[in-house]
Amino acid sequence: MSSVITSGITSGITSGITSGATPSPNIWQHPATYEIENLAVDRAGVLTSAMLGLADWSGRDVLDIGCGTGFHLPLFASSASSVVGVEPHGGLAAIARRRVQRLASVSVLQGSATSLPLPPASVDVMQARWAYFFGPGCEPGLAELDRVMRRGGTAFVIDNDSTRSTFGSWFRRGYPSVSGPEVERFWSARGWTRHRLDIAWTFDAREDFEAVVRIEFDESLAGEIVASHPGTSVDYAVNLWSRTY
């Protein structure tokens, strides 16, 4: 396992969890390994470039829903006026606070997408990155977005495109209940725009790749993937959904 893991991240954190939150199958139980995954995702910065092209957050107020251990908060803080991370898992929120403790413009609050601890019309740019906004069932969270987003603000939801790429084929097998066409209909019907992007997992070591595969998929599928996919990189298709308020 990679040694570049943020200090204080351990496996299987147990702490207070906000009521109503959807359990995460990966980061909640394996935050140290998920840190390795964060480091491997999109090293070329395709997602960041696409988001900035749609809504630059310089000098604006940013919200990261489901911020986990706060991995992306410093990116926003480098130019935003203020950044708020909201995370339902108390242990992860505590790690995120330690991560950004020297960044005066950043705060981390424990809460959920369905009950955001923010005042109305207080957010210019929102990100929910793999925070289980997988379409149907997200209506309460979207109602909260309607409440907190400012007029002219932009919201981003990043999820997997299961219709293409090597990772997409794994995701279809691992999560057959998530229907790509159904998710697309859900977001499109609500005024969101899909931007299809091609990114990659790029790991420093084979053992890092194998460790991350084993927290993303069940034991049987993970074993098949590890046995059949060589090397340390994976092509990965994502959907960047955006909406301007």
Foldseek 3Di string as FASTA:
>chain_A
DDPPFDPPDDAQDDDAFAPPADDDLFCNGGVRLVSLQVVQWFPVCPVVVVVCVVPNQAQFEEEEAQCFLVPCVVVSLVGHQAYEYEHRGPSRLVNNCVVCVVRPRYDYYYDHLLDDPDAFQRGQEYEYEQRPPLFPPCVSSVVVVNGHHHAQGKYKYKDFQLPDWPVSVLCCVQCVVRDNVRSVCRLVVVAKDKDKDKGKGAGPDLVSQLSNLPSVGPPVSSVVCSVPDDDGMTIGMMIIIMHGD
